[in-house]
Amino acid sequence: MENQQMNVCASGNCGCTHHHILPIFMILIGATFLLGACKAIDPVMVSYIWPFLLIVGGIAKMFSHGCGCGEKKN
């Protein structure tokens, strides 16, 4: 049973929301740079947006405590 639990988490199929935080913020940061390169938003705004997204993502990751789905239970 424990092996199944670890495999489910390693494959990314456990459904816990904290597994999606990093990819979401990477997509947002990439979209910010893409919109800046396409001149859809002002390049000065890009210089304010991407550090803000990194800070918010770091805070969200820090306080997301995780589910412990990949930990062995004794």
N, C-alpha and C. Protein backbone atom coordinates (compact mmCIF):
# COMPACT_ATOMS: atom_id res chain seq x y z
N MET A 1 0.82 -1.20 0.00
CA MET A 1 0.00 0.00 0.00
C MET A 1 0.87 1.26 0.00
N GLU A 2 1.92 1.26 0.81
CA GLU A 2 2.78 2.43 0.88
C GLU A 2 3.49 2.66 -0.45
N ASN A 3 3.93 1.59 -1.11
CA ASN A 3 4.58 1.73 -2.40
C ASN A 3 3.63 2.35 -3.42
N GLN A 4 2.37 1.95 -3.40
CA GLN A 4 1.39 2.51 -4.32
C GLN A 4 1.22 4.00 -4.06
N GLN A 5 1.19 4.39 -2.81
CA GLN A 5 1.02 5.79 -2.47
C GLN A 5 2.20 6.61 -3.00
N MET A 6 3.42 6.12 -2.84
CA MET A 6 4.59 6.83 -3.31
C MET A 6 4.60 6.91 -4.83
N ASN A 7 4.21 5.83 -5.52
CA ASN A 7 4.20 5.85 -6.97
C ASN A 7 3.15 6.80 -7.52
N VAL A 8 2.02 6.88 -6.87
CA VAL A 8 0.98 7.80 -7.31
C VAL A 8 1.49 9.22 -7.23
N CYS A 9 2.14 9.58 -6.13
CA CYS A 9 2.66 10.94 -5.97
C CYS A 9 3.78 11.22 -6.96
N ALA A 10 4.67 10.26 -7.16
CA ALA A 10 5.80 10.46 -8.07
C ALA A 10 5.31 10.67 -9.50
N SER A 11 4.21 10.06 -9.86
CA SER A 11 3.68 10.22 -11.21
C SER A 11 2.85 11.49 -11.34
N GLY A 12 2.59 12.17 -10.24
CA GLY A 12 1.85 13.42 -10.28
C GLY A 12 0.35 13.23 -10.32
N ASN A 13 -0.16 12.07 -9.96
CA ASN A 13 -1.59 11.80 -10.05
C ASN A 13 -2.29 11.79 -8.70
N CYS A 14 -1.70 12.37 -7.68
CA CYS A 14 -2.34 12.29 -6.37
C CYS A 14 -3.42 13.37 -6.19
N GLY A 15 -3.45 14.38 -7.02
CA GLY A 15 -4.50 15.38 -6.97
C GLY A 15 -4.30 16.48 -5.94
N CYS A 16 -3.18 16.50 -5.28
CA CYS A 16 -2.91 17.54 -4.28
C CYS A 16 -2.56 18.85 -4.97
N THR A 17 -3.15 19.94 -4.52
CA THR A 17 -2.97 21.22 -5.19
C THR A 17 -1.55 21.77 -5.09
N HIS A 18 -0.81 21.40 -4.04
CA HIS A 18 0.53 21.97 -3.90
C HIS A 18 1.49 21.48 -4.99
N HIS A 19 1.14 20.42 -5.69
CA HIS A 19 1.98 19.94 -6.79
C HIS A 19 1.87 20.84 -8.02
N HIS A 20 0.87 21.69 -8.07
CA HIS A 20 0.62 22.54 -9.23
C HIS A 20 1.12 23.97 -9.06
N ILE A 21 1.58 24.33 -7.90
CA ILE A 21 1.99 25.71 -7.65
C ILE A 21 3.15 26.13 -8.53
N LEU A 22 4.22 25.37 -8.55
CA LEU A 22 5.40 25.72 -9.32
C LEU A 22 5.11 25.80 -10.82
N PRO A 23 4.46 24.80 -11.42
CA PRO A 23 4.16 24.91 -12.85
C PRO A 23 3.28 26.11 -13.21
N ILE A 24 2.32 26.43 -12.36
CA ILE A 24 1.44 27.57 -12.64
C ILE A 24 2.25 28.87 -12.66
N PHE A 25 3.11 29.05 -11.68
CA PHE A 25 3.89 30.28 -11.64
C PHE A 25 4.94 30.33 -12.75
N MET A 26 5.46 29.20 -13.18
CA MET A 26 6.38 29.19 -14.31
C MET A 26 5.66 29.60 -15.59
N ILE A 27 4.42 29.13 -15.76
CA ILE A 27 3.63 29.52 -16.93
C ILE A 27 3.33 31.02 -16.90
N LEU A 28 2.97 31.53 -15.73
CA LEU A 28 2.68 32.96 -15.61
C LEU A 28 3.90 33.82 -15.90
N ILE A 29 5.06 33.41 -15.41
CA ILE A 29 6.28 34.17 -15.66
C ILE A 29 6.64 34.11 -17.15
N GLY A 30 6.52 32.92 -17.75
CA GLY A 30 6.78 32.80 -19.19
C GLY A 30 5.83 33.64 -20.02
N ALA A 31 4.56 33.65 -19.65
CA ALA A 31 3.57 34.46 -20.37
C ALA A 31 3.87 35.94 -20.22
N THR A 32 4.35 36.34 -19.05
CA THR A 32 4.72 37.74 -18.84
C THR A 32 5.83 38.16 -19.79
N PHE A 33 6.88 37.34 -19.89
CA PHE A 33 7.98 37.66 -20.81
C PHE A 33 7.54 37.62 -22.26
N LEU A 34 6.67 36.67 -22.61
CA LEU A 34 6.17 36.58 -23.99
C LEU A 34 5.35 37.82 -24.35
N LEU A 35 4.47 38.24 -23.46
CA LEU A 35 3.67 39.44 -23.73
C LEU A 35 4.55 40.68 -23.82
N GLY A 36 5.61 40.73 -23.02
CA GLY A 36 6.55 41.85 -23.10
C GLY A 36 7.31 41.85 -24.41
N ALA A 37 7.72 40.67 -24.89
CA ALA A 37 8.45 40.57 -26.14
C ALA A 37 7.55 40.91 -27.33
N CYS A 38 6.27 40.62 -27.23
CA CYS A 38 5.32 40.93 -28.31
C CYS A 38 4.81 42.37 -28.22
N LYS A 39 5.29 43.10 -27.24
CA LYS A 39 4.88 44.49 -27.01
C LYS A 39 3.40 44.59 -26.64
N ALA A 40 2.82 43.51 -26.13
CA ALA A 40 1.43 43.54 -25.69
C ALA A 40 1.31 44.27 -24.35
N ILE A 41 2.37 44.19 -23.55
CA ILE A 41 2.44 44.98 -22.31
C ILE A 41 3.77 45.71 -22.31
N ASP A 42 3.80 46.79 -21.60
CA ASP A 42 4.98 47.64 -21.54
C ASP A 42 6.15 46.88 -20.91
N PRO A 43 7.34 46.92 -21.52
CA PRO A 43 8.49 46.23 -20.94
C PRO A 43 8.82 46.66 -19.51
N VAL A 44 8.47 47.88 -19.16
CA VAL A 44 8.69 48.33 -17.78
C VAL A 44 7.78 47.55 -16.83
N MET A 45 6.56 47.25 -17.28
CA MET A 45 5.65 46.45 -16.46
C MET A 45 6.19 45.03 -16.26
N VAL A 46 6.83 44.49 -17.30
CA VAL A 46 7.42 43.16 -17.19
C VAL A 46 8.45 43.13 -16.07
N SER A 47 9.23 44.22 -15.96
CA SER A 47 10.26 44.27 -14.92
C SER A 47 9.67 44.35 -13.52
N TYR A 48 8.40 44.71 -13.40
CA TYR A 48 7.72 44.70 -12.11
C TYR A 48 6.95 43.41 -11.87
N ILE A 49 6.39 42.83 -12.93
CA ILE A 49 5.51 41.68 -12.79
C ILE A 49 6.26 40.40 -12.44
N TRP A 50 7.37 40.09 -13.16
CA TRP A 50 8.00 38.79 -12.95
C TRP A 50 8.60 38.63 -11.56
N PRO A 51 9.23 39.66 -10.96
CA PRO A 51 9.70 39.46 -9.59
C PRO A 51 8.54 39.27 -8.60
N PHE A 52 7.44 39.99 -8.85
CA PHE A 52 6.26 39.85 -8.00
C PHE A 52 5.73 38.42 -8.07
N LEU A 53 5.67 37.83 -9.27
CA LEU A 53 5.20 36.46 -9.42
C LEU A 53 6.13 35.47 -8.70
N LEU A 54 7.44 35.71 -8.78
CA LEU A 54 8.38 34.84 -8.07
C LEU A 54 8.17 34.91 -6.56
N ILE A 55 7.97 36.11 -6.05
CA ILE A 55 7.75 36.28 -4.61
C ILE A 55 6.46 35.59 -4.18
N VAL A 56 5.39 35.81 -4.91
CA VAL A 56 4.10 35.20 -4.57
C VAL A 56 4.20 33.67 -4.66
N GLY A 57 4.87 33.17 -5.69
CA GLY A 57 5.05 31.73 -5.84
C GLY A 57 5.87 31.14 -4.70
N GLY A 58 6.91 31.84 -4.29
CA GLY A 58 7.73 31.37 -3.18
C GLY A 58 6.97 31.36 -1.87
N ILE A 59 6.18 32.39 -1.64
CA ILE A 59 5.37 32.44 -0.42
C ILE A 59 4.32 31.33 -0.43
N ALA A 60 3.68 31.14 -1.58
CA ALA A 60 2.67 30.07 -1.69
C ALA A 60 3.30 28.71 -1.45
N LYS A 61 4.48 28.48 -2.00
CA LYS A 61 5.16 27.20 -1.82
C LYS A 61 5.59 27.01 -0.36
N MET A 62 6.04 28.09 0.26
CA MET A 62 6.51 28.02 1.63
C MET A 62 5.37 27.67 2.59
N PHE A 63 4.19 28.19 2.35
CA PHE A 63 3.06 27.97 3.25
C PHE A 63 2.15 26.83 2.82
N SER A 64 2.51 26.09 1.77
CA SER A 64 1.64 25.03 1.28
C SER A 64 1.86 23.69 1.98
N HIS A 65 2.64 23.62 2.99
CA HIS A 65 2.90 22.47 3.87
C HIS A 65 2.89 21.11 3.19
N GLY A 66 2.32 20.96 2.06
CA GLY A 66 2.31 19.67 1.36
C GLY A 66 1.33 18.70 2.00
N CYS A 67 1.22 17.56 1.37
CA CYS A 67 0.27 16.55 1.86
C CYS A 67 0.98 15.36 2.46
N GLY A 68 2.29 15.26 2.28
CA GLY A 68 3.01 14.12 2.79
C GLY A 68 2.77 12.86 1.98
N CYS A 69 2.26 13.02 0.76
CA CYS A 69 1.90 11.85 -0.04
C CYS A 69 3.13 11.08 -0.50
N GLY A 70 4.28 11.69 -0.51
CA GLY A 70 5.48 10.99 -0.95
C GLY A 70 6.33 10.48 0.21
N GLU A 71 5.90 10.72 1.41
CA GLU A 71 6.66 10.30 2.59
C GLU A 71 6.27 8.89 3.01
N LYS A 72 7.25 8.15 3.50
CA LYS A 72 6.96 6.83 4.05
C LYS A 72 6.37 7.00 5.44
N LYS A 73 5.36 6.23 5.72
CA LYS A 73 4.74 6.28 7.04
C LYS A 73 5.18 5.06 7.81
N ASN A 74 5.69 5.27 9.02
CA ASN A 74 6.15 4.16 9.86
C ASN A 74 5.07 3.67 10.78
